[in-house]
PDB file of N, CA and C in Angstrom:
ATOM      1  N   MET A   1      -0.728  23.343  24.767  1.00  0.00           N
ATOM      2  CA  MET A   1      -1.157  22.083  24.200  1.00  0.00           C
ATOM      3  C   MET A   1      -0.847  20.835  24.366  1.00  0.00           C
ATOM      4  N   HIS A   2      -1.883  20.037  24.209  1.00  0.00           N
ATOM      5  CA  HIS A   2      -1.191  18.610  24.038  1.00  0.00           C
ATOM      6  C   HIS A   2      -0.825  18.190  22.758  1.00  0.00           C
ATOM      7  N   ARG A   3       0.263  17.378  23.039  1.00  0.00           N
ATOM      8  CA  ARG A   3       0.445  16.736  21.572  1.00  0.00           C
ATOM      9  C   ARG A   3       0.839  15.282  22.191  1.00  0.00           C
ATOM     10  N   TYR A   4       0.269  14.496  20.659  1.00  0.00           N
ATOM     11  CA  TYR A   4       0.564  13.369  20.689  1.00  0.00           C
ATOM     12  C   TYR A   4       2.113  12.647  21.140  1.00  0.00           C
ATOM     13  N   PRO A   5       2.633  11.968  21.486  1.00  0.00           N
ATOM     14  CA  PRO A   5       3.975  11.536  21.605  1.00  0.00           C
ATOM     15  C   PRO A   5       4.280  11.137  20.237  1.00  0.00           C
ATOM     16  N   TRP A   6       3.924  10.641  19.177  1.00  0.00           N
ATOM     17  CA  TRP A   6       4.445  10.418  17.963  1.00  0.00           C
ATOM     18  C   TRP A   6       4.963  11.689  17.457  1.00  0.00           C
ATOM     19  N   SER A   7       4.418  12.749  17.856  1.00  0.00           N
ATOM     20  CA  SER A   7       4.850  14.360  17.564  1.00  0.00           C
ATOM     21  C   SER A   7       6.419  14.602  17.766  1.00  0.00           C
ATOM     22  N   GLU A   8       6.178  14.446  19.220  1.00  0.00           N
ATOM     23  CA  GLU A   8       7.290  15.206  20.234  1.00  0.00           C
ATOM     24  C   GLU A   8       8.684  14.300  19.965  1.00  0.00           C
ATOM     25  N   GLN A   9       8.655  12.529  19.542  1.00  0.00           N
ATOM     26  CA  GLN A   9       9.375  11.680  19.429  1.00  0.00           C
ATOM     27  C   GLN A   9      10.023  11.826  18.321  1.00  0.00           C
ATOM     28  N   ASN A  10       9.622  12.497  17.258  1.00  0.00           N
ATOM     29  CA  ASN A  10      10.095  12.830  15.813  1.00  0.00           C
ATOM     30  C   ASN A  10      10.763  13.895  15.374  1.00  0.00           C
ATOM     31  N   GLY A  11      10.764  15.077  16.357  1.00  0.00           N
ATOM     32  CA  GLY A  11      11.369  16.383  16.183  1.00  0.00           C
ATOM     33  C   GLY A  11      10.325  17.443  15.727  1.00  0.00           C
ATOM     34  N   GLU A  12      11.109  18.414  15.281  1.00  0.00           N
ATOM     35  CA  GLU A  12      10.381  19.732  14.791  1.00  0.00           C
ATOM     36  C   GLU A  12       9.751  19.852  13.671  1.00  0.00           C
ATOM     37  N   LEU A  13      10.016  18.746  12.676  1.00  0.00           N
ATOM     38  CA  LEU A  13       9.121  18.912  11.557  1.00  0.00           C
ATOM     39  C   LEU A  13       7.799  18.451  11.834  1.00  0.00           C
ATOM     40  N   TYR A  14       8.259  17.200  12.669  1.00  0.00           N
ATOM     41  CA  TYR A  14       6.145  16.505  13.279  1.00  0.00           C
ATOM     42  C   TYR A  14       5.531  17.622  14.089  1.00  0.00           C
ATOM     43  N   ILE A  15       6.503  18.294  14.986  1.00  0.00           N
ATOM     44  CA  ILE A  15       5.703  19.144  16.046  1.00  0.00           C
ATOM     45  C   ILE A  15       5.202  20.096  15.108  1.00  0.00           C
ATOM     46  N   LYS A  16       5.590  20.687  14.530  1.00  0.00           N
ATOM     47  CA  LYS A  16       4.986  21.587  13.216  1.00  0.00           C
ATOM     48  C   LYS A  16       3.646  21.651  12.752  1.00  0.00           C
ATOM     49  N   TYR A  17       4.099  19.769  11.883  1.00  0.00           N
ATOM     50  CA  TYR A  17       2.850  19.281  11.256  1.00  0.00           C
ATOM     51  C   TYR A  17       2.009  18.853  12.116  1.00  0.00           C
ATOM     52  N   HIS A  18       2.059  18.472  13.405  1.00  0.00           N
ATOM     53  CA  HIS A  18       1.127  18.060  14.388  1.00  0.00           C
ATOM     54  C   HIS A  18      -0.044  19.411  14.907  1.00  0.00           C
ATOM     55  N   ASP A  19       0.858  20.245  14.837  1.00  0.00           N
ATOM     56  CA  ASP A  19       0.522  21.917  15.630  1.00  0.00           C
ATOM     57  C   ASP A  19      -0.337  22.493  14.770  1.00  0.00           C
ATOM     58  N   GLU A  20       0.175  22.534  13.390  1.00  0.00           N
ATOM     59  CA  GLU A  20      -0.445  23.211  12.126  1.00  0.00           C
ATOM     60  C   GLU A  20      -1.527  22.601  11.617  1.00  0.00           C
ATOM     61  N   GLU A  21      -1.270  21.154  11.377  1.00  0.00           N
ATOM     62  CA  GLU A  21      -1.855  20.837  10.300  1.00  0.00           C
ATOM     63  C   GLU A  21      -2.916  19.304  10.723  1.00  0.00           C
ATOM     64  N   TRP A  22      -1.883  18.742  11.828  1.00  0.00           N
ATOM     65  CA  TRP A  22      -2.745  17.278  11.671  1.00  0.00           C
ATOM     66  C   TRP A  22      -4.361  17.671  12.212  1.00  0.00           C
ATOM     67  N   GLY A  23      -5.038  17.004  11.799  1.00  0.00           N
ATOM     68  CA  GLY A  23      -6.621  17.191  12.469  1.00  0.00           C
ATOM     69  C   GLY A  23      -7.220  18.315  11.859  1.00  0.00           C
ATOM     70  N   VAL A  24      -6.621  19.124  11.489  1.00  0.00           N
ATOM     71  CA  VAL A  24      -7.144  20.716  10.880  1.00  0.00           C
ATOM     72  C   VAL A  24      -7.838  20.459   9.343  1.00  0.00           C
ATOM     73  N   PRO A  25      -9.259  20.884  10.014  1.00  0.00           N
ATOM     74  CA  PRO A  25     -10.482  20.716   8.622  1.00  0.00           C
ATOM     75  C   PRO A  25     -10.025  21.560   7.113  1.00  0.00           C
ATOM     76  N   VAL A  26      -9.583  20.615   6.039  1.00  0.00           N
ATOM     77  CA  VAL A  26      -9.167  21.812   5.160  1.00  0.00           C
ATOM     78  C   VAL A  26     -10.227  21.703   3.807  1.00  0.00           C
ATOM     79  N   HIS A  27     -10.649  22.999   3.176  1.00  0.00           N
ATOM     80  CA  HIS A  27     -11.566  23.303   2.539  1.00  0.00           C
ATOM     81  C   HIS A  27     -10.803  23.758   0.963  1.00  0.00           C
ATOM     82  N   ASP A  28      -9.853  23.460   0.846  1.00  0.00           N
ATOM     83  CA  ASP A  28      -9.004  24.148  -0.362  1.00  0.00           C
ATOM     84  C   ASP A  28      -8.686  23.210  -1.383  1.00  0.00           C
ATOM     85  N   ASP A  29      -9.027  22.675  -2.642  1.00  0.00           N
ATOM     86  CA  ASP A  29      -8.974  22.312  -3.434  1.00  0.00           C
ATOM     87  C   ASP A  29      -7.294  21.906  -3.536  1.00  0.00           C
ATOM     88  N   ILE A  30      -6.785  23.202  -3.651  1.00  0.00           N
ATOM     89  CA  ILE A  30      -5.010  22.782  -3.628  1.00  0.00           C
ATOM     90  C   ILE A  30      -4.425  22.125  -2.710  1.00  0.00           C
ATOM     91  N   LYS A  31      -4.942  22.414  -1.684  1.00  0.00           N
ATOM     92  CA  LYS A  31      -4.458  21.573  -0.159  1.00  0.00           C
ATOM     93  C   LYS A  31      -4.716  20.177  -0.318  1.00  0.00           C
ATOM     94  N   HIS A  32      -6.131  19.978  -0.866  1.00  0.00           N
ATOM     95  CA  HIS A  32      -6.243  18.600  -0.545  1.00  0.00           C
ATOM     96  C   HIS A  32      -5.310  17.740  -1.812  1.00  0.00           C
ATOM     97  N   PHE A  33      -5.130  18.410  -2.721  1.00  0.00           N
ATOM     98  CA  PHE A  33      -4.634  17.864  -3.905  1.00  0.00           C
ATOM     99  C   PHE A  33      -2.838  17.466  -3.221  1.00  0.00           C
ATOM    100  N   GLU A  34      -2.622  18.485  -2.201  1.00  0.00           N
ATOM    101  CA  GLU A  34      -1.146  18.420  -1.879  1.00  0.00           C
ATOM    102  C   GLU A  34      -0.879  17.122  -1.014  1.00  0.00           C
ATOM    103  N   PHE A  35      -2.009  16.932   0.082  1.00  0.00           N
ATOM    104  CA  PHE A  35      -2.175  15.703   0.954  1.00  0.00           C
ATOM    105  C   PHE A  35      -2.487  14.614   0.151  1.00  0.00           C
ATOM    106  N   LEU A  36      -3.049  14.672  -1.123  1.00  0.00           N
ATOM    107  CA  LEU A  36      -3.048  13.428  -1.782  1.00  0.00           C
ATOM    108  C   LEU A  36      -1.857  13.040  -2.574  1.00  0.00           C
ATOM    109  N   VAL A  37      -1.041  14.081  -2.905  1.00  0.00           N
ATOM    110  CA  VAL A  37       0.112  13.745  -3.746  1.00  0.00           C
ATOM    111  C   VAL A  37       1.255  12.955  -2.644  1.00  0.00           C
ATOM    112  N   LEU A  38       1.104  13.929  -1.454  1.00  0.00           N
ATOM    113  CA  LEU A  38       1.812  13.256  -0.289  1.00  0.00           C
ATOM    114  C   LEU A  38       1.721  11.916   0.252  1.00  0.00           C
ATOM    115  N   GLU A  39       0.395  11.703   0.272  1.00  0.00           N
ATOM    116  CA  GLU A  39       0.105  10.442   0.780  1.00  0.00           C
ATOM    117  C   GLU A  39       0.351   9.231  -0.097  1.00  0.00           C
ATOM    118  N   ILE A  40       0.162   9.825  -1.285  1.00  0.00           N
ATOM    119  CA  ILE A  40       0.313   8.529  -2.356  1.00  0.00           C
ATOM    120  C   ILE A  40       1.869   8.115  -2.473  1.00  0.00           C
ATOM    121  N   ASN A  41       2.818   9.302  -2.256  1.00  0.00           N
ATOM    122  CA  ASN A  41       4.087   8.883  -1.840  1.00  0.00           C
ATOM    123  C   ASN A  41       4.235   8.608  -0.682  1.00  0.00           C
ATOM    124  N   GLN A  42       3.675   8.685   0.312  1.00  0.00           N
ATOM    125  CA  GLN A  42       3.862   7.705   2.003  1.00  0.00           C
ATOM    126  C   GLN A  42       3.581   6.865   1.552  1.00  0.00           C
ATOM    127  N   ALA A  43       3.417   6.042   0.859  1.00  0.00           N
ATOM    128  CA  ALA A  43       2.621   4.352   0.958  1.00  0.00           C
ATOM    129  C   ALA A  43       3.852   4.029   0.995  1.00  0.00           C
ATOM    130  N   GLY A  44       4.153   3.128   2.142  1.00  0.00           N
ATOM    131  CA  GLY A  44       5.283   1.883   2.047  1.00  0.00           C
ATOM    132  C   GLY A  44       6.315   2.598   3.038  1.00  0.00           C
ATOM    133  N   LEU A  45       6.206   3.804   3.002  1.00  0.00           N
ATOM    134  CA  LEU A  45       7.424   4.907   3.754  1.00  0.00           C
ATOM    135  C   LEU A  45       7.213   5.463   4.998  1.00  0.00           C
ATOM    136  N   ASN A  46       8.046   6.033   5.338  1.00  0.00           N
ATOM    137  CA  ASN A  46       7.677   6.945   6.672  1.00  0.00           C
ATOM    138  C   ASN A  46       7.284   8.201   6.384  1.00  0.00           C
ATOM    139  N   TRP A  47       6.405   8.862   7.076  1.00  0.00           N
ATOM    140  CA  TRP A  47       5.956  10.011   6.944  1.00  0.00           C
ATOM    141  C   TRP A  47       6.676  11.274   7.143  1.00  0.00           C
ATOM    142  N   LYS A  48       7.772  10.696   7.764  1.00  0.00           N
ATOM    143  CA  LYS A  48       8.822  11.849   7.912  1.00  0.00           C
ATOM    144  C   LYS A  48       9.633  11.885   6.641  1.00  0.00           C
ATOM    145  N   ILE A  49       9.406  10.841   6.135  1.00  0.00           N
ATOM    146  CA  ILE A  49      10.327  11.106   4.710  1.00  0.00           C
ATOM    147  C   ILE A  49       9.845  11.795   3.832  1.00  0.00           C
ATOM    148  N   VAL A  50       8.553  11.826   3.716  1.00  0.00           N
ATOM    149  CA  VAL A  50       7.715  12.721   2.720  1.00  0.00           C
ATOM    150  C   VAL A  50       7.538  14.286   3.275  1.00  0.00           C
ATOM    151  N   LEU A  51       7.597  14.024   4.613  1.00  0.00           N
ATOM    152  CA  LEU A  51       7.236  15.849   5.166  1.00  0.00           C
ATOM    153  C   LEU A  51       8.814  16.439   4.851  1.00  0.00           C
ATOM    154  N   THR A  52       9.759  15.650   4.574  1.00  0.00           N
ATOM    155  CA  THR A  52      11.405  16.351   4.467  1.00  0.00           C
ATOM    156  C   THR A  52      11.118  16.819   3.322  1.00  0.00           C
ATOM    157  N   LYS A  53      10.676  16.222   2.417  1.00  0.00           N
ATOM    158  CA  LYS A  53      10.782  16.147   0.558  1.00  0.00           C
ATOM    159  C   LYS A  53       9.444  17.456   0.354  1.00  0.00           C
ATOM    160  N   ARG A  54       8.528  17.613   1.154  1.00  0.00           N
ATOM    161  CA  ARG A  54       7.412  18.521   0.626  1.00  0.00           C
ATOM    162  C   ARG A  54       7.572  19.691   0.087  1.00  0.00           C
ATOM    163  N   ASP A  55       8.661  20.513   0.482  1.00  0.00           N
ATOM    164  CA  ASP A  55       9.201  21.574  -0.723  1.00  0.00           C
ATOM    165  C   ASP A  55       9.285  21.321  -1.790  1.00  0.00           C
ATOM    166  N   ASN A  56      10.404  20.311  -1.919  1.00  0.00           N
ATOM    167  CA  ASN A  56      10.596  19.805  -3.222  1.00  0.00           C
ATOM    168  C   ASN A  56       9.692  19.323  -4.167  1.00  0.00           C
ATOM    169  N   TYR A  57       8.323  18.464  -3.823  1.00  0.00           N
ATOM    170  CA  TYR A  57       7.441  18.182  -4.245  1.00  0.00           C
ATOM    171  C   TYR A  57       6.872  19.609  -4.415  1.00  0.00           C
ATOM    172  N   ARG A  58       6.373  20.339  -3.951  1.00  0.00           N
ATOM    173  CA  ARG A  58       5.757  21.799  -4.292  1.00  0.00           C
ATOM    174  C   ARG A  58       6.245  22.473  -5.313  1.00  0.00           C
ATOM    175  N   LYS A  59       7.668  22.598  -5.489  1.00  0.00           N
ATOM    176  CA  LYS A  59       8.225  22.989  -6.367  1.00  0.00           C
ATOM    177  C   LYS A  59       8.058  22.127  -8.006  1.00  0.00           C
ATOM    178  N   THR A  60       8.018  20.834  -7.720  1.00  0.00           N
ATOM    179  CA  THR A  60       8.080  20.260  -8.838  1.00  0.00           C
ATOM    180  C   THR A  60       6.553  19.625  -9.579  1.00  0.00           C
ATOM    181  N   TYR A  61       5.534  19.879  -8.219  1.00  0.00           N
ATOM    182  CA  TYR A  61       4.180  19.610  -8.892  1.00  0.00           C
ATOM    183  C   TYR A  61       3.904  21.187  -9.069  1.00  0.00           C
ATOM    184  N   ASP A  62       4.447  22.195  -9.450  1.00  0.00           N
ATOM    185  CA  ASP A  62       3.453  23.592  -9.868  1.00  0.00           C
ATOM    186  C   ASP A  62       2.580  24.025  -8.728  1.00  0.00           C
ATOM    187  N   ASP A  63       3.196  23.916  -7.350  1.00  0.00           N
ATOM    188  CA  ASP A  63       2.440  24.466  -5.851  1.00  0.00           C
ATOM    189  C   ASP A  63       1.208  23.458  -5.867  1.00  0.00           C
ATOM    190  N   PHE A  64       1.317  22.269  -6.119  1.00  0.00           N
ATOM    191  CA  PHE A  64       0.138  21.181  -6.061  1.00  0.00           C
ATOM    192  C   PHE A  64      -0.937  21.838  -6.875  1.00  0.00           C
ATOM    193  N   ASP A  65      -1.089  22.513  -7.718  1.00  0.00           N
ATOM    194  CA  ASP A  65      -2.169  23.202  -8.785  1.00  0.00           C
ATOM    195  C   ASP A  65      -2.754  22.025  -9.549  1.00  0.00           C
ATOM    196  N   PRO A  66      -3.662  21.297  -9.244  1.00  0.00           N
ATOM    197  CA  PRO A  66      -4.363  20.188  -9.832  1.00  0.00           C
ATOM    198  C   PRO A  66      -4.577  20.496 -11.365  1.00  0.00           C
ATOM    199  N   ILE A  67      -5.372  21.428 -11.620  1.00  0.00           N
ATOM    200  CA  ILE A  67      -5.787  21.889 -13.144  1.00  0.00           C
ATOM    201  C   ILE A  67      -4.039  22.054 -13.969  1.00  0.00           C
ATOM    202  N   THR A  68      -2.619  22.586 -13.246  1.00  0.00           N
ATOM    203  CA  THR A  68      -1.844  22.363 -14.022  1.00  0.00           C
ATOM    204  C   THR A  68      -1.036  20.973 -14.126  1.00  0.00           C
ATOM    205  N   VAL A  69      -1.524  20.229 -13.209  1.00  0.00           N
ATOM    206  CA  VAL A  69      -0.858  18.590 -13.130  1.00  0.00           C
ATOM    207  C   VAL A  69      -1.535  17.947 -14.215  1.00  0.00           C
ATOM    208  N   THR A  70      -2.910  18.131 -14.342  1.00  0.00           N
ATOM    209  CA  THR A  70      -3.695  17.413 -15.179  1.00  0.00           C
ATOM    210  C   THR A  70      -3.080  17.406 -16.778  1.00  0.00           C
ATOM    211  N   LYS A  71      -2.239  18.630 -17.181  1.00  0.00           N
ATOM    212  CA  LYS A  71      -1.431  18.597 -18.368  1.00  0.00           C
ATOM    213  C   LYS A  71      -0.433  17.974 -18.620  1.00  0.00           C
ATOM    214  N   TYR A  72       0.180  17.270 -17.447  1.00  0.00           N
ATOM    215  CA  TYR A  72       1.673  16.604 -17.323  1.00  0.00           C
ATOM    216  C   TYR A  72       1.357  15.695 -18.479  1.00  0.00           C
ATOM    217  N   ASP A  73       2.436  15.369 -19.483  1.00  0.00           N
ATOM    218  CA  ASP A  73       2.712  14.297 -20.316  1.00  0.00           C
ATOM    219  C   ASP A  73       3.670  13.566 -19.752  1.00  0.00           C
ATOM    220  N   GLU A  74       4.027  12.600 -21.096  1.00  0.00           N
ATOM    221  CA  GLU A  74       5.047  11.827 -20.728  1.00  0.00           C
ATOM    222  C   GLU A  74       6.786  12.163 -20.102  1.00  0.00           C
ATOM    223  N   GLU A  75       6.807  13.823 -20.970  1.00  0.00           N
ATOM    224  CA  GLU A  75       7.796  14.496 -20.766  1.00  0.00           C
ATOM    225  C   GLU A  75       7.988  15.040 -19.111  1.00  0.00           C
ATOM    226  N   ASN A  76       6.892  15.127 -18.853  1.00  0.00           N
ATOM    227  CA  ASN A  76       6.782  15.500 -17.589  1.00  0.00           C
ATOM    228  C   ASN A  76       7.423  14.615 -16.076  1.00  0.00           C
ATOM    229  N   VAL A  77       6.523  13.627 -17.028  1.00  0.00           N
ATOM    230  CA  VAL A  77       6.783  12.137 -16.051  1.00  0.00           C
ATOM    231  C   VAL A  77       8.393  11.952 -15.688  1.00  0.00           C
ATOM    232  N   THR A  78       9.006  12.120 -17.004  1.00  0.00           N
ATOM    233  CA  THR A  78      10.224  11.835 -17.286  1.00  0.00           C
ATOM    234  C   THR A  78      11.241  12.623 -16.527  1.00  0.00           C
ATOM    235  N   GLN A  79      10.582  14.254 -16.330  1.00  0.00           N
ATOM    236  CA  GLN A  79      11.246  15.218 -15.674  1.00  0.00           C
ATOM    237  C   GLN A  79      11.574  14.566 -14.167  1.00  0.00           C
ATOM    238  N   LEU A  80      10.295  14.306 -13.854  1.00  0.00           N
ATOM    239  CA  LEU A  80       9.621  13.809 -12.549  1.00  0.00           C
ATOM    240  C   LEU A  80      10.731  12.964 -12.075  1.00  0.00           C
ATOM    241  N   LEU A  81      10.653  11.752 -12.636  1.00  0.00           N
ATOM    242  CA  LEU A  81      11.603  10.663 -12.340  1.00  0.00           C
ATOM    243  C   LEU A  81      13.158  10.901 -12.086  1.00  0.00           C
ATOM    244  N   ASN A  82      13.753  12.106 -13.166  1.00  0.00           N
ATOM    245  CA  ASN A  82      15.095  12.647 -12.831  1.00  0.00           C
ATOM    246  C   ASN A  82      14.941  13.557 -12.207  1.00  0.00           C
ATOM    247  N   THR A  83      13.989  14.199 -11.188  1.00  0.00           N
ATOM    248  CA  THR A  83      14.263  14.797 -10.036  1.00  0.00           C
ATOM    249  C   THR A  83      14.692  14.933  -8.939  1.00  0.00           C
ATOM    250  N   ALA A  84      16.061  15.123  -7.996  1.00  0.00           N
ATOM    251  CA  ALA A  84      16.176  14.765  -7.073  1.00  0.00           C
ATOM    252  C   ALA A  84      15.380  15.314  -5.759  1.00  0.00           C
ATOM    253  N   GLY A  85      15.057  14.749  -4.544  1.00  0.00           N
ATOM    254  CA  GLY A  85      14.424  15.518  -3.753  1.00  0.00           C
ATOM    255  C   GLY A  85      13.133  15.235  -4.041  1.00  0.00           C
ATOM    256  N   ILE A  86      12.664  14.216  -4.624  1.00  0.00           N
ATOM    257  CA  ILE A  86      11.418  13.393  -4.493  1.00  0.00           C
ATOM    258  C   ILE A  86      11.415  12.349  -4.332  1.00  0.00           C
ATOM    259  N   ILE A  87      10.551  11.496  -4.218  1.00  0.00           N
ATOM    260  CA  ILE A  87      10.304   9.961  -4.492  1.00  0.00           C
ATOM    261  C   ILE A  87      10.310   9.477  -5.683  1.00  0.00           C
ATOM    262  N   ARG A  88      11.019   9.281  -6.675  1.00  0.00           N
ATOM    263  CA  ARG A  88      10.847   8.816  -8.142  1.00  0.00           C
ATOM    264  C   ARG A  88      10.417   7.416  -8.289  1.00  0.00           C
ATOM    265  N   ASN A  89       9.074   7.380  -8.161  1.00  0.00           N
ATOM    266  CA  ASN A  89       8.820   5.988  -8.361  1.00  0.00           C
ATOM    267  C   ASN A  89       7.318   6.466  -9.476  1.00  0.00           C
ATOM    268  N   ARG A  90       8.230   5.614 -10.581  1.00  0.00           N
ATOM    269  CA  ARG A  90       6.785   5.810 -11.955  1.00  0.00           C
ATOM    270  C   ARG A  90       5.343   5.663 -11.559  1.00  0.00           C
ATOM    271  N   ARG A  91       4.950   4.473 -10.879  1.00  0.00           N
ATOM    272  CA  ARG A  91       3.441   4.312 -10.462  1.00  0.00           C
ATOM    273  C   ARG A  91       2.904   5.860  -9.599  1.00  0.00           C
ATOM    274  N   LYS A  92       3.664   6.233  -8.550  1.00  0.00           N
ATOM    275  CA  LYS A  92       3.392   7.127  -7.644  1.00  0.00           C
ATOM    276  C   LYS A  92       3.072   8.329  -8.415  1.00  0.00           C
ATOM    277  N   ILE A  93       4.425   8.619  -9.425  1.00  0.00           N
ATOM    278  CA  ILE A  93       4.128   9.994 -10.248  1.00  0.00           C
ATOM    279  C   ILE A  93       2.708   9.419 -11.172  1.00  0.00           C
ATOM    280  N   GLU A  94       2.640   8.403 -11.914  1.00  0.00           N
ATOM    281  CA  GLU A  94       1.420   8.654 -12.744  1.00  0.00           C
ATOM    282  C   GLU A  94       0.456   8.616 -11.976  1.00  0.00           C
ATOM    283  N   ALA A  95       0.168   7.960 -10.723  1.00  0.00           N
ATOM    284  CA  ALA A  95      -1.246   8.051 -10.172  1.00  0.00           C
ATOM    285  C   ALA A  95      -1.177   9.405  -9.396  1.00  0.00           C
ATOM    286  N   SER A  96      -0.307  10.542  -9.206  1.00  0.00           N
ATOM    287  CA  SER A  96      -0.579  11.693  -8.967  1.00  0.00           C
ATOM    288  C   SER A  96      -1.207  12.465  -9.586  1.00  0.00           C
ATOM    289  N   ILE A  97      -0.717  12.454 -11.215  1.00  0.00           N
ATOM    290  CA  ILE A  97      -1.283  13.087 -11.911  1.00  0.00           C
ATOM    291  C   ILE A  97      -2.581  12.371 -12.637  1.00  0.00           C
ATOM    292  N   GLN A  98      -3.059  10.743 -12.942  1.00  0.00           N
ATOM    293  CA  GLN A  98      -4.221  10.398 -12.715  1.00  0.00           C
ATOM    294  C   GLN A  98      -5.295  11.246 -12.099  1.00  0.00           C
ATOM    295  N   ASN A  99      -4.851  11.232 -10.592  1.00  0.00           N
ATOM    296  CA  ASN A  99      -5.782  11.707  -9.190  1.00  0.00           C
ATOM    297  C   ASN A  99      -6.081  13.010  -9.495  1.00  0.00           C
ATOM    298  N   ALA A 100      -4.949  14.111 -10.136  1.00  0.00           N
ATOM    299  CA  ALA A 100      -5.679  15.456 -10.431  1.00  0.00           C
ATOM    300  C   ALA A 100      -6.519  15.531 -11.618  1.00  0.00           C
ATOM    301  N   ARG A 101      -6.696  14.643 -12.437  1.00  0.00           N
ATOM    302  CA  ARG A 101      -7.604  14.273 -13.873  1.00  0.00           C
ATOM    303  C   ARG A 101      -8.916  14.097 -13.148  1.00  0.00           C
TER     304      ARG A 101
END
């Protein structure tokens, strides 16, 4: 398999992402929402930071179920802001919830 240099230069996490996900069409709403949340949180940061936190996002965002996330309220926002292992930025958290809606 041909890999782009950016994947091999950044270690196994990037190689796995490159080989299994990058450029692969997605037709699943939950997967779309997952990538939307990750992209929102990547803004201004390195993609590797977000990939390393992905499992924490999966846990804190109810497996990226957008229907569940639409019901998040201020209490959920506060919990997310206090959750270690994710990017704790109020605007990014609120954008993720708004995009679920």
